[in-house]
Amino acid sequence: MAAVCQGRSSPSLAIWYLGGTIACMAMTLRLSDEENRRLDELAAAEGRSKQDIVRMAVADRWVRHNREQRLSDAVDRALPRYQGLLDRLGTA
């Protein structure tokens, strides 16, 4: 990737840069000793790399977040419709 990034003057790179996507992104993840130990244990127990465990954790959290957001949106849409009923039930 470094060789591609250095050739910025290339017309084909400009087209790729403007119209393409980044297939892979590197990052540094700073963990405490305890977090790193837990990650090591998970990776060993599941027979996966630490990188795969982190990717799966991100994917799981993304799904959970989206599910929670959809539920919140549904409640926000439904609450005004049933507010009168909920108020009457609350005073019964």
C-alpha atoms as a PDB file:
ATOM      1  CA  MET A   1       0.000   0.000   0.000  1.00  0.00           C
ATOM      2  CA  ALA A   2       2.873   2.402   0.686  1.00  0.00           C
ATOM      3  CA  ALA A   3       4.043   2.184  -2.920  1.00  0.00           C
ATOM      4  CA  VAL A   4       0.563   3.096  -4.167  1.00  0.00           C
ATOM      5  CA  CYS A   5       0.264   5.972  -1.716  1.00  0.00           C
ATOM      6  CA  GLN A   6       3.583   7.451  -2.833  1.00  0.00           C
ATOM      7  CA  GLY A   7       2.569   7.590  -6.530  1.00  0.00           C
ATOM      8  CA  ARG A   8      -0.024  10.341  -6.121  1.00  0.00           C
ATOM      9  CA  SER A   9       0.777  11.989  -9.434  1.00  0.00           C
ATOM     10  CA  SER A  10      -0.456   8.965 -11.405  1.00  0.00           C
ATOM     11  CA  PRO A  11      -3.760   9.631 -13.274  1.00  0.00           C
ATOM     12  CA  SER A  12      -4.970   6.098 -12.597  1.00  0.00           C
ATOM     13  CA  LEU A  13      -4.323   6.621  -8.889  1.00  0.00           C
ATOM     14  CA  ALA A  14      -6.346   9.846  -8.959  1.00  0.00           C
ATOM     15  CA  ILE A  15      -9.300   7.963 -10.473  1.00  0.00           C
ATOM     16  CA  TRP A  16      -8.936   5.192  -7.903  1.00  0.00           C
ATOM     17  CA  TYR A  17      -8.646   7.707  -5.085  1.00  0.00           C
ATOM     18  CA  LEU A  18     -11.702   9.665  -6.133  1.00  0.00           C
ATOM     19  CA  GLY A  19     -13.907   6.730  -7.020  1.00  0.00           C
ATOM     20  CA  GLY A  20     -12.639   3.808  -4.983  1.00  0.00           C
ATOM     21  CA  THR A  21     -12.794   2.741  -1.403  1.00  0.00           C
ATOM     22  CA  ILE A  22     -10.182   1.764   1.105  1.00  0.00           C
ATOM     23  CA  ALA A  23     -10.214  -2.014   1.377  1.00  0.00           C
ATOM     24  CA  CYS A  24      -8.202  -2.190   4.582  1.00  0.00           C
ATOM     25  CA  MET A  25      -7.304   0.237   7.332  1.00  0.00           C
ATOM     26  CA  ALA A  26      -4.536  -0.295   9.878  1.00  0.00           C
ATOM     27  CA  MET A  27      -4.856   1.032  13.395  1.00  0.00           C
ATOM     28  CA  THR A  28      -3.200   0.834  16.776  1.00  0.00           C
ATOM     29  CA  LEU A  29      -5.257  -0.574  19.619  1.00  0.00           C
ATOM     30  CA  ARG A  30      -3.984   0.220  23.083  1.00  0.00           C
ATOM     31  CA  LEU A  31      -5.060  -2.311  25.699  1.00  0.00           C
ATOM     32  CA  SER A  32      -4.306  -2.671  29.365  1.00  0.00           C
ATOM     33  CA  ASP A  33      -2.432  -5.799  30.415  1.00  0.00           C
ATOM     34  CA  GLU A  34      -5.707  -7.291  31.645  1.00  0.00           C
ATOM     35  CA  GLU A  35      -7.557  -6.511  28.396  1.00  0.00           C
ATOM     36  CA  ASN A  36      -4.702  -7.997  26.386  1.00  0.00           C
ATOM     37  CA  ARG A  37      -4.743 -11.135  28.547  1.00  0.00           C
ATOM     38  CA  ARG A  38      -8.485 -11.494  27.996  1.00  0.00           C
ATOM     39  CA  LEU A  39      -8.047 -11.026  24.255  1.00  0.00           C
ATOM     40  CA  ASP A  40      -5.294 -13.671  24.246  1.00  0.00           C
ATOM     41  CA  GLU A  41      -7.596 -16.080  26.107  1.00  0.00           C
ATOM     42  CA  LEU A  42     -10.486 -15.487  23.714  1.00  0.00           C
ATOM     43  CA  ALA A  43      -8.276 -15.947  20.674  1.00  0.00           C
ATOM     44  CA  ALA A  44      -6.804 -19.180  22.045  1.00  0.00           C
ATOM     45  CA  ALA A  45     -10.198 -20.548  23.128  1.00  0.00           C
ATOM     46  CA  GLU A  46     -11.774 -19.865  19.738  1.00  0.00           C
ATOM     47  CA  GLY A  47      -8.732 -20.730  17.648  1.00  0.00           C
ATOM     48  CA  ARG A  48      -8.805 -17.315  15.995  1.00  0.00           C
ATOM     49  CA  SER A  49      -6.380 -14.442  15.720  1.00  0.00           C
ATOM     50  CA  LYS A  50      -6.635 -11.508  18.081  1.00  0.00           C
ATOM     51  CA  GLN A  51      -7.419  -9.379  15.032  1.00  0.00           C
ATOM     52  CA  ASP A  52     -10.377 -11.614  14.148  1.00  0.00           C
ATOM     53  CA  ILE A  53     -11.681 -11.432  17.726  1.00  0.00           C
ATOM     54  CA  VAL A  54     -11.573  -7.626  17.648  1.00  0.00           C
ATOM     55  CA  ARG A  55     -13.243  -7.514  14.218  1.00  0.00           C
ATOM     56  CA  MET A  56     -16.007  -9.796  15.435  1.00  0.00           C
ATOM     57  CA  ALA A  57     -16.489  -7.668  18.557  1.00  0.00           C
ATOM     58  CA  VAL A  58     -16.846  -4.537  16.430  1.00  0.00           C
ATOM     59  CA  ALA A  59     -19.318  -6.265  14.112  1.00  0.00           C
ATOM     60  CA  ASP A  60     -21.370  -7.564  17.065  1.00  0.00           C
ATOM     61  CA  ARG A  61     -21.442  -4.132  18.700  1.00  0.00           C
ATOM     62  CA  TRP A  62     -22.470  -2.497  15.406  1.00  0.00           C
ATOM     63  CA  VAL A  63     -25.398  -4.937  15.047  1.00  0.00           C
ATOM     64  CA  ARG A  64     -26.472  -4.332  18.655  1.00  0.00           C
ATOM     65  CA  HIS A  65     -26.240  -0.558  18.233  1.00  0.00           C
ATOM     66  CA  ASN A  66     -28.329  -0.620  15.051  1.00  0.00           C
ATOM     67  CA  ARG A  67     -30.933  -2.870  16.674  1.00  0.00           C
ATOM     68  CA  GLU A  68     -31.164  -0.503  19.665  1.00  0.00           C
ATOM     69  CA  GLN A  69     -31.443   2.479  17.321  1.00  0.00           C
ATOM     70  CA  ARG A  70     -34.242   0.864  15.306  1.00  0.00           C
ATOM     71  CA  LEU A  71     -36.124   0.056  18.525  1.00  0.00           C
ATOM     72  CA  SER A  72     -35.693   3.619  19.763  1.00  0.00           C
ATOM     73  CA  ASP A  73     -36.943   4.973  16.428  1.00  0.00           C
ATOM     74  CA  ALA A  74     -39.999   2.678  16.551  1.00  0.00           C
ATOM     75  CA  VAL A  75     -40.819   3.781  20.098  1.00  0.00           C
ATOM     76  CA  ASP A  76     -40.444   7.431  19.076  1.00  0.00           C
ATOM     77  CA  ARG A  77     -42.920   6.868  16.224  1.00  0.00           C
ATOM     78  CA  ALA A  78     -45.415   4.852  18.308  1.00  0.00           C
ATOM     79  CA  LEU A  79     -45.380   6.858  21.536  1.00  0.00           C
ATOM     80  CA  PRO A  80     -47.298   9.905  20.241  1.00  0.00           C
ATOM     81  CA  ARG A  81     -49.983   7.617  18.789  1.00  0.00           C
ATOM     82  CA  TYR A  82     -50.590   5.829  22.093  1.00  0.00           C
ATOM     83  CA  GLN A  83     -49.757   8.625  24.534  1.00  0.00           C
ATOM     84  CA  GLY A  84     -53.405   9.210  25.517  1.00  0.00           C
ATOM     85  CA  LEU A  85     -53.937   5.531  26.253  1.00  0.00           C
ATOM     86  CA  LEU A  86     -50.698   5.341  28.251  1.00  0.00           C
ATOM     87  CA  ASP A  87     -51.753   8.397  30.285  1.00  0.00           C
ATOM     88  CA  ARG A  88     -55.150   6.837  31.039  1.00  0.00           C
ATOM     89  CA  LEU A  89     -53.542   3.534  32.028  1.00  0.00           C
ATOM     90  CA  GLY A  90     -51.101   5.371  34.251  1.00  0.00           C
ATOM     91  CA  THR A  91     -53.896   6.947  36.296  1.00  0.00           C
ATOM     92  CA  ALA A  92     -55.987   3.755  36.585  1.00  0.00           C
END
